[in-house]
Amino acid sequence: MRVFGVSFDDAQKNAAFRAKYGFPYPLLCDTERKLGLAFGACVDASDGYAARFTFVVSPTGVVERAIRTEDPGAQAAALLELLPRD
């Protein structure tokens, strides 16, 4: 499994945010809102912030689940319950 974060911030802001919170995964930059628009996390390219979602994408690129993130602190535990175990 691979994990990525995406935000509308630039690379410098994402790097600082990642370092501040010690995220072990990369944060991708969507400064033009292309992913946000494609995945429904924003409604317009001028939106300042994306809605928080977790997307589970298969190895073939199919979005298997889209989960609106209501509680970011509990999201990881909830997501682990949905994923198949080896």
PDB file of N, CA and C in Angstrom:
ATOM      1  N   MET A   1       0.849  -1.166   0.000  1.00  0.00           N
ATOM      2  CA  MET A   1       0.000   0.000   0.000  1.00  0.00           C
ATOM      3  C   MET A   1       0.894   1.228   0.000  1.00  0.00           C
ATOM      4  N   ARG A   2       0.497   2.236  -0.760  1.00  0.00           N
ATOM      5  CA  ARG A   2       1.205   3.507  -0.785  1.00  0.00           C
ATOM      6  C   ARG A   2       0.245   4.608  -0.359  1.00  0.00           C
ATOM      7  N   VAL A   3       0.771   5.554   0.384  1.00  0.00           N
ATOM      8  CA  VAL A   3      -0.034   6.665   0.890  1.00  0.00           C
ATOM      9  C   VAL A   3       0.552   7.962   0.364  1.00  0.00           C
ATOM     10  N   PHE A   4      -0.330   8.845  -0.092  1.00  0.00           N
ATOM     11  CA  PHE A   4       0.050  10.182  -0.531  1.00  0.00           C
ATOM     12  C   PHE A   4      -0.940  11.169   0.057  1.00  0.00           C
ATOM     13  N   GLY A   5      -0.467  12.352   0.340  1.00  0.00           N
ATOM     14  CA  GLY A   5      -1.340  13.454   0.703  1.00  0.00           C
ATOM     15  C   GLY A   5      -1.325  14.442  -0.451  1.00  0.00           C
ATOM     16  N   VAL A   6      -2.395  15.188  -0.608  1.00  0.00           N
ATOM     17  CA  VAL A   6      -2.480  16.195  -1.669  1.00  0.00           C
ATOM     18  C   VAL A   6      -3.079  17.452  -1.072  1.00  0.00           C
ATOM     19  N   SER A   7      -2.488  18.598  -1.402  1.00  0.00           N
ATOM     20  CA  SER A   7      -3.074  19.866  -0.981  1.00  0.00           C
ATOM     21  C   SER A   7      -2.897  20.896  -2.084  1.00  0.00           C
ATOM     22  N   PHE A   8      -3.543  22.022  -1.895  1.00  0.00           N
ATOM     23  CA  PHE A   8      -3.437  23.113  -2.859  1.00  0.00           C
ATOM     24  C   PHE A   8      -2.197  23.965  -2.620  1.00  0.00           C
ATOM     25  N   ASP A   9      -1.449  23.671  -1.578  1.00  0.00           N
ATOM     26  CA  ASP A   9      -0.252  24.445  -1.252  1.00  0.00           C
ATOM     27  C   ASP A   9       0.899  24.133  -2.201  1.00  0.00           C
ATOM     28  N   ASP A  10       1.873  25.038  -2.225  1.00  0.00           N
ATOM     29  CA  ASP A  10       3.056  24.820  -3.060  1.00  0.00           C
ATOM     30  C   ASP A  10       4.023  23.874  -2.346  1.00  0.00           C
ATOM     31  N   ALA A  11       5.094  23.508  -3.045  1.00  0.00           N
ATOM     32  CA  ALA A  11       6.049  22.525  -2.529  1.00  0.00           C
ATOM     33  C   ALA A  11       6.688  22.969  -1.215  1.00  0.00           C
ATOM     34  N   GLN A  12       7.012  24.236  -1.092  1.00  0.00           N
ATOM     35  CA  GLN A  12       7.657  24.739   0.127  1.00  0.00           C
ATOM     36  C   GLN A  12       6.722  24.611   1.331  1.00  0.00           C
ATOM     37  N   LYS A  13       5.465  25.003   1.171  1.00  0.00           N
ATOM     38  CA  LYS A  13       4.505  24.898   2.276  1.00  0.00           C
ATOM     39  C   LYS A  13       4.229  23.434   2.628  1.00  0.00           C
ATOM     40  N   ASN A  14       4.124  22.580   1.605  1.00  0.00           N
ATOM     41  CA  ASN A  14       3.895  21.160   1.877  1.00  0.00           C
ATOM     42  C   ASN A  14       5.074  20.534   2.612  1.00  0.00           C
ATOM     43  N   ALA A  15       6.282  20.903   2.233  1.00  0.00           N
ATOM     44  CA  ALA A  15       7.475  20.364   2.897  1.00  0.00           C
ATOM     45  C   ALA A  15       7.503  20.783   4.367  1.00  0.00           C
ATOM     46  N   ALA A  16       7.161  22.025   4.641  1.00  0.00           N
ATOM     47  CA  ALA A  16       7.138  22.518   6.022  1.00  0.00           C
ATOM     48  C   ALA A  16       6.049  21.812   6.823  1.00  0.00           C
ATOM     49  N   PHE A  17       4.887  21.626   6.239  1.00  0.00           N
ATOM     50  CA  PHE A  17       3.772  20.957   6.911  1.00  0.00           C
ATOM     51  C   PHE A  17       4.134  19.506   7.202  1.00  0.00           C
ATOM     52  N   ARG A  18       4.724  18.833   6.220  1.00  0.00           N
ATOM     53  CA  ARG A  18       5.134  17.437   6.390  1.00  0.00           C
ATOM     54  C   ARG A  18       6.169  17.311   7.511  1.00  0.00           C
ATOM     55  N   ALA A  19       7.137  18.215   7.522  1.00  0.00           N
ATOM     56  CA  ALA A  19       8.178  18.177   8.565  1.00  0.00           C
ATOM     57  C   ALA A  19       7.580  18.462   9.944  1.00  0.00           C
ATOM     58  N   LYS A  20       6.677  19.434  10.026  1.00  0.00           N
ATOM     59  CA  LYS A  20       6.075  19.811  11.305  1.00  0.00           C
ATOM     60  C   LYS A  20       5.344  18.642  11.957  1.00  0.00           C
ATOM     61  N   TYR A  21       4.619  17.865  11.139  1.00  0.00           N
ATOM     62  CA  TYR A  21       3.809  16.779  11.681  1.00  0.00           C
ATOM     63  C   TYR A  21       4.455  15.400  11.503  1.00  0.00           C
ATOM     64  N   GLY A  22       5.642  15.358  10.910  1.00  0.00           N
ATOM     65  CA  GLY A  22       6.371  14.102  10.780  1.00  0.00           C
ATOM     66  C   GLY A  22       5.696  13.067   9.896  1.00  0.00           C
ATOM     67  N   PHE A  23       5.014  13.515   8.852  1.00  0.00           N
ATOM     68  CA  PHE A  23       4.346  12.562   7.960  1.00  0.00           C
ATOM     69  C   PHE A  23       5.380  11.697   7.250  1.00  0.00           C
ATOM     70  N   PRO A  24       5.184  10.381   7.235  1.00  0.00           N
ATOM     71  CA  PRO A  24       6.125   9.489   6.570  1.00  0.00           C
ATOM     72  C   PRO A  24       5.821   9.295   5.084  1.00  0.00           C
ATOM     73  N   TYR A  25       4.883  10.058   4.558  1.00  0.00           N
ATOM     74  CA  TYR A  25       4.498   9.919   3.152  1.00  0.00           C
ATOM     75  C   TYR A  25       4.605  11.269   2.448  1.00  0.00           C
ATOM     76  N   PRO A  26       4.726  11.252   1.127  1.00  0.00           N
ATOM     77  CA  PRO A  26       4.853  12.504   0.385  1.00  0.00           C
ATOM     78  C   PRO A  26       3.536  13.292   0.352  1.00  0.00           C
ATOM     79  N   LEU A  27       3.662  14.597   0.293  1.00  0.00           N
ATOM     80  CA  LEU A  27       2.520  15.482   0.084  1.00  0.00           C
ATOM     81  C   LEU A  27       2.655  16.070  -1.314  1.00  0.00           C
ATOM     82  N   LEU A  28       1.682  15.805  -2.149  1.00  0.00           N
ATOM     83  CA  LEU A  28       1.698  16.280  -3.523  1.00  0.00           C
ATOM     84  C   LEU A  28       1.032  17.647  -3.620  1.00  0.00           C
ATOM     85  N   CYS A  29       1.461  18.433  -4.588  1.00  0.00           N
ATOM     86  CA  CYS A  29       0.949  19.791  -4.786  1.00  0.00           C
ATOM     87  C   CYS A  29      -0.072  19.809  -5.916  1.00  0.00           C
ATOM     88  N   ASP A  30      -1.244  20.319  -5.626  1.00  0.00           N
ATOM     89  CA  ASP A  30      -2.296  20.485  -6.620  1.00  0.00           C
ATOM     90  C   ASP A  30      -2.640  21.971  -6.708  1.00  0.00           C
ATOM     91  N   THR A  31      -1.633  22.781  -7.009  1.00  0.00           N
ATOM     92  CA  THR A  31      -1.816  24.235  -7.002  1.00  0.00           C
ATOM     93  C   THR A  31      -2.814  24.710  -8.056  1.00  0.00           C
ATOM     94  N   GLU A  32      -3.009  23.936  -9.110  1.00  0.00           N
ATOM     95  CA  GLU A  32      -3.975  24.317 -10.153  1.00  0.00           C
ATOM     96  C   GLU A  32      -5.353  23.692  -9.917  1.00  0.00           C
ATOM     97  N   ARG A  33      -5.492  22.945  -8.844  1.00  0.00           N
ATOM     98  CA  ARG A  33      -6.768  22.318  -8.434  1.00  0.00           C
ATOM     99  C   ARG A  33      -7.253  21.251  -9.403  1.00  0.00           C
ATOM    100  N   LYS A  34      -6.399  20.696 -10.231  1.00  0.00           N
ATOM    101  CA  LYS A  34      -6.831  19.690 -11.210  1.00  0.00           C
ATOM    102  C   LYS A  34      -7.322  18.416 -10.534  1.00  0.00           C
ATOM    103  N   LEU A  35      -6.569  17.910  -9.556  1.00  0.00           N
ATOM    104  CA  LEU A  35      -7.029  16.723  -8.824  1.00  0.00           C
ATOM    105  C   LEU A  35      -8.255  17.039  -7.983  1.00  0.00           C
ATOM    106  N   GLY A  36      -8.231  18.178  -7.323  1.00  0.00           N
ATOM    107  CA  GLY A  36      -9.372  18.577  -6.497  1.00  0.00           C
ATOM    108  C   GLY A  36     -10.662  18.624  -7.296  1.00  0.00           C
ATOM    109  N   LEU A  37     -10.601  19.190  -8.480  1.00  0.00           N
ATOM    110  CA  LEU A  37     -11.778  19.263  -9.341  1.00  0.00           C
ATOM    111  C   LEU A  37     -12.184  17.881  -9.851  1.00  0.00           C
ATOM    112  N   ALA A  38     -11.199  17.093 -10.286  1.00  0.00           N
ATOM    113  CA  ALA A  38     -11.485  15.773 -10.834  1.00  0.00           C
ATOM    114  C   ALA A  38     -12.094  14.834  -9.792  1.00  0.00           C
ATOM    115  N   PHE A  39     -11.665  14.966  -8.528  1.00  0.00           N
ATOM    116  CA  PHE A  39     -12.130  14.072  -7.481  1.00  0.00           C
ATOM    117  C   PHE A  39     -13.249  14.671  -6.634  1.00  0.00           C
ATOM    118  N   GLY A  40     -13.717  15.862  -6.974  1.00  0.00           N
ATOM    119  CA  GLY A  40     -14.829  16.470  -6.249  1.00  0.00           C
ATOM    120  C   GLY A  40     -14.474  17.053  -4.897  1.00  0.00           C
ATOM    121  N   ALA A  41     -13.184  17.332  -4.676  1.00  0.00           N
ATOM    122  CA  ALA A  41     -12.764  17.912  -3.405  1.00  0.00           C
ATOM    123  C   ALA A  41     -12.890  19.430  -3.411  1.00  0.00           C
ATOM    124  N   CYS A  42     -13.183  20.000  -4.556  1.00  0.00           N
ATOM    125  CA  CYS A  42     -13.483  21.425  -4.664  1.00  0.00           C
ATOM    126  C   CYS A  42     -14.446  21.602  -5.831  1.00  0.00           C
ATOM    127  N   VAL A  43     -15.066  22.760  -5.900  1.00  0.00           N
ATOM    128  CA  VAL A  43     -16.043  22.993  -6.965  1.00  0.00           C
ATOM    129  C   VAL A  43     -15.557  23.998  -7.990  1.00  0.00           C
ATOM    130  N   ASP A  44     -14.478  24.699  -7.656  1.00  0.00           N
ATOM    131  CA  ASP A  44     -13.978  25.745  -8.554  1.00  0.00           C
ATOM    132  C   ASP A  44     -12.471  25.873  -8.374  1.00  0.00           C
ATOM    133  N   ALA A  45     -11.779  26.223  -9.437  1.00  0.00           N
ATOM    134  CA  ALA A  45     -10.320  26.358  -9.381  1.00  0.00           C
ATOM    135  C   ALA A  45      -9.874  27.507  -8.489  1.00  0.00           C
ATOM    136  N   SER A  46     -10.794  28.359  -8.083  1.00  0.00           N
ATOM    137  CA  SER A  46     -10.436  29.459  -7.189  1.00  0.00           C
ATOM    138  C   SER A  46     -10.657  29.110  -5.712  1.00  0.00           C
ATOM    139  N   ASP A  47     -11.150  27.904  -5.426  1.00  0.00           N
ATOM    140  CA  ASP A  47     -11.354  27.489  -4.031  1.00  0.00           C
ATOM    141  C   ASP A  47     -10.036  27.538  -3.277  1.00  0.00           C
ATOM    142  N   GLY A  48     -10.059  28.072  -2.073  1.00  0.00           N
ATOM    143  CA  GLY A  48      -8.855  28.196  -1.269  1.00  0.00           C
ATOM    144  C   GLY A  48      -8.418  26.894  -0.618  1.00  0.00           C
ATOM    145  N   TYR A  49      -9.390  26.046  -0.281  1.00  0.00           N
ATOM    146  CA  TYR A  49      -9.098  24.793   0.401  1.00  0.00           C
ATOM    147  C   TYR A  49      -9.913  23.670  -0.208  1.00  0.00           C
ATOM    148  N   ALA A  50      -9.357  22.489  -0.157  1.00  0.00           N
ATOM    149  CA  ALA A  50     -10.080  21.301  -0.609  1.00  0.00           C
ATOM    150  C   ALA A  50     -10.857  20.709   0.563  1.00  0.00           C
ATOM    151  N   ALA A  51     -11.969  20.063   0.257  1.00  0.00           N
ATOM    152  CA  ALA A  51     -12.656  19.262   1.262  1.00  0.00           C
ATOM    153  C   ALA A  51     -11.765  18.062   1.555  1.00  0.00           C
ATOM    154  N   ARG A  52     -11.788  17.580   2.791  1.00  0.00           N
ATOM    155  CA  ARG A  52     -10.931  16.447   3.155  1.00  0.00           C
ATOM    156  C   ARG A  52     -11.595  15.135   2.758  1.00  0.00           C
ATOM    157  N   PHE A  53     -10.873  14.382   1.975  1.00  0.00           N
ATOM    158  CA  PHE A  53     -11.312  13.061   1.545  1.00  0.00           C
ATOM    159  C   PHE A  53     -10.167  12.083   1.676  1.00  0.00           C
ATOM    160  N   THR A  54     -10.511  10.817   1.791  1.00  0.00           N
ATOM    161  CA  THR A  54      -9.560   9.726   1.641  1.00  0.00           C
ATOM    162  C   THR A  54     -10.048   8.902   0.461  1.00  0.00           C
ATOM    163  N   PHE A  55      -9.158   8.661  -0.490  1.00  0.00           N
ATOM    164  CA  PHE A  55      -9.487   7.843  -1.642  1.00  0.00           C
ATOM    165  C   PHE A  55      -8.654   6.578  -1.593  1.00  0.00           C
ATOM    166  N   VAL A  56      -9.310   5.453  -1.747  1.00  0.00           N
ATOM    167  CA  VAL A  56      -8.621   4.173  -1.849  1.00  0.00           C
ATOM    168  C   VAL A  56      -8.595   3.834  -3.330  1.00  0.00           C
ATOM    169  N   VAL A  57      -7.377   3.762  -3.883  1.00  0.00           N
ATOM    170  CA  VAL A  57      -7.200   3.535  -5.316  1.00  0.00           C
ATOM    171  C   VAL A  57      -6.522   2.184  -5.502  1.00  0.00           C
ATOM    172  N   SER A  58      -7.068   1.378  -6.391  1.00  0.00           N
ATOM    173  CA  SER A  58      -6.510   0.044  -6.643  1.00  0.00           C
ATOM    174  C   SER A  58      -5.174   0.162  -7.378  1.00  0.00           C
ATOM    175  N   PRO A  59      -4.405  -0.914  -7.411  1.00  0.00           N
ATOM    176  CA  PRO A  59      -3.139  -0.898  -8.159  1.00  0.00           C
ATOM    177  C   PRO A  59      -3.321  -0.592  -9.647  1.00  0.00           C
ATOM    178  N   THR A  60      -4.539  -0.806 -10.161  1.00  0.00           N
ATOM    179  CA  THR A  60      -4.806  -0.515 -11.579  1.00  0.00           C
ATOM    180  C   THR A  60      -5.340   0.902 -11.796  1.00  0.00           C
ATOM    181  N   GLY A  61      -5.445   1.678 -10.706  1.00  0.00           N
ATOM    182  CA  GLY A  61      -5.867   3.068 -10.836  1.00  0.00           C
ATOM    183  C   GLY A  61      -7.351   3.320 -10.674  1.00  0.00           C
ATOM    184  N   VAL A  62      -8.105   2.326 -10.259  1.00  0.00           N
ATOM    185  CA  VAL A  62      -9.547   2.474 -10.067  1.00  0.00           C
ATOM    186  C   VAL A  62      -9.815   2.969  -8.648  1.00  0.00           C
ATOM    187  N   VAL A  63     -10.622   4.027  -8.534  1.00  0.00           N
ATOM    188  CA  VAL A  63     -11.018   4.520  -7.210  1.00  0.00           C
ATOM    189  C   VAL A  63     -12.051   3.546  -6.652  1.00  0.00           C
ATOM    190  N   GLU A  64     -11.660   2.828  -5.597  1.00  0.00           N
ATOM    191  CA  GLU A  64     -12.535   1.830  -5.006  1.00  0.00           C
ATOM    192  C   GLU A  64     -13.421   2.416  -3.913  1.00  0.00           C
ATOM    193  N   ARG A  65     -12.921   3.431  -3.225  1.00  0.00           N
ATOM    194  CA  ARG A  65     -13.702   4.088  -2.176  1.00  0.00           C
ATOM    195  C   ARG A  65     -13.331   5.560  -2.120  1.00  0.00           C
ATOM    196  N   ALA A  66     -14.325   6.378  -1.850  1.00  0.00           N
ATOM    197  CA  ALA A  66     -14.126   7.801  -1.571  1.00  0.00           C
ATOM    198  C   ALA A  66     -14.796   8.055  -0.227  1.00  0.00           C
ATOM    199  N   ILE A  67     -14.003   8.466   0.743  1.00  0.00           N
ATOM    200  CA  ILE A  67     -14.502   8.625   2.107  1.00  0.00           C
ATOM    201  C   ILE A  67     -14.303  10.070   2.538  1.00  0.00           C
ATOM    202  N   ARG A  68     -15.400  10.757   2.833  1.00  0.00           N
ATOM    203  CA  ARG A  68     -15.303  12.119   3.351  1.00  0.00           C
ATOM    204  C   ARG A  68     -14.700  12.045   4.753  1.00  0.00           C
ATOM    205  N   THR A  69     -13.652  12.784   4.983  1.00  0.00           N
ATOM    206  CA  THR A  69     -12.938  12.732   6.257  1.00  0.00           C
ATOM    207  C   THR A  69     -13.598  13.673   7.249  1.00  0.00           C
ATOM    208  N   GLU A  70     -14.353  13.107   8.172  1.00  0.00           N
ATOM    209  CA  GLU A  70     -15.028  13.900   9.191  1.00  0.00           C
ATOM    210  C   GLU A  70     -14.127  14.147  10.397  1.00  0.00           C
ATOM    211  N   ASP A  71     -13.318  13.147  10.746  1.00  0.00           N
ATOM    212  CA  ASP A  71     -12.447  13.234  11.916  1.00  0.00           C
ATOM    213  C   ASP A  71     -11.040  12.807  11.502  1.00  0.00           C
ATOM    214  N   PRO A  72     -10.175  13.753  11.097  1.00  0.00           N
ATOM    215  CA  PRO A  72      -8.842  13.387  10.610  1.00  0.00           C
ATOM    216  C   PRO A  72      -8.042  12.526  11.585  1.00  0.00           C
ATOM    217  N   GLY A  73      -8.204  12.739  12.885  1.00  0.00           N
ATOM    218  CA  GLY A  73      -7.467  11.971  13.872  1.00  0.00           C
ATOM    219  C   GLY A  73      -7.883  10.503  13.928  1.00  0.00           C
ATOM    220  N   ALA A  74      -9.095  10.215  13.547  1.00  0.00           N
ATOM    221  CA  ALA A  74      -9.601   8.843  13.598  1.00  0.00           C
ATOM    222  C   ALA A  74      -9.639   8.191  12.225  1.00  0.00           C
ATOM    223  N   GLN A  75      -9.298   8.932  11.188  1.00  0.00           N
ATOM    224  CA  GLN A  75      -9.429   8.424   9.823  1.00  0.00           C
ATOM    225  C   GLN A  75      -8.574   7.186   9.571  1.00  0.00           C
ATOM    226  N   ALA A  76      -7.358   7.166  10.064  1.00  0.00           N
ATOM    227  CA  ALA A  76      -6.465   6.030   9.800  1.00  0.00           C
ATOM    228  C   ALA A  76      -7.053   4.737  10.362  1.00  0.00           C
ATOM    229  N   ALA A  77      -7.533   4.774  11.579  1.00  0.00           N
ATOM    230  CA  ALA A  77      -8.115   3.568  12.186  1.00  0.00           C
ATOM    231  C   ALA A  77      -9.355   3.112  11.414  1.00  0.00           C
ATOM    232  N   ALA A  78     -10.193   4.048  11.014  1.00  0.00           N
ATOM    233  CA  ALA A  78     -11.397   3.695  10.251  1.00  0.00           C
ATOM    234  C   ALA A  78     -11.019   3.101   8.901  1.00  0.00           C
ATOM    235  N   LEU A  79     -10.008   3.649   8.266  1.00  0.00           N
ATOM    236  CA  LEU A  79      -9.581   3.156   6.956  1.00  0.00           C
ATOM    237  C   LEU A  79      -9.003   1.751   7.070  1.00  0.00           C
ATOM    238  N   LEU A  80      -8.228   1.488   8.095  1.00  0.00           N
ATOM    239  CA  LEU A  80      -7.641   0.154   8.280  1.00  0.00           C
ATOM    240  C   LEU A  80      -8.717  -0.915   8.407  1.00  0.00           C
ATOM    241  N   GLU A  81      -9.861  -0.557   8.966  1.00  0.00           N
ATOM    242  CA  GLU A  81     -10.967  -1.512   9.083  1.00  0.00           C
ATOM    243  C   GLU A  81     -11.541  -1.893   7.722  1.00  0.00           C
ATOM    244  N   LEU A  82     -11.409  -1.006   6.742  1.00  0.00           N
ATOM    245  CA  LEU A  82     -11.984  -1.254   5.416  1.00  0.00           C
ATOM    246  C   LEU A  82     -11.056  -2.035   4.493  1.00  0.00           C
ATOM    247  N   LEU A  83      -9.756  -1.975   4.765  1.00  0.00           N
ATOM    248  CA  LEU A  83      -8.791  -2.574   3.859  1.00  0.00           C
ATOM    249  C   LEU A  83      -8.639  -4.065   4.112  1.00  0.00           C
ATOM    250  N   PRO A  84      -8.455  -4.840   3.018  1.00  0.00           N
ATOM    251  CA  PRO A  84      -8.239  -6.276   3.208  1.00  0.00           C
ATOM    252  C   PRO A  84      -6.907  -6.536   3.900  1.00  0.00           C
ATOM    253  N   ARG A  85      -6.881  -7.576   4.678  1.00  0.00           N
ATOM    254  CA  ARG A  85      -5.654  -7.973   5.374  1.00  0.00           C
ATOM    255  C   ARG A  85      -5.017  -9.134   4.630  1.00  0.00           C
ATOM    256  N   ASP A  86      -3.699  -9.157   4.609  1.00  0.00           N
ATOM    257  CA  ASP A  86      -2.991 -10.258   3.932  1.00  0.00           C
ATOM    258  C   ASP A  86      -2.984 -11.508   4.761  1.00  0.00           C
TER     259      ASP A  86
END
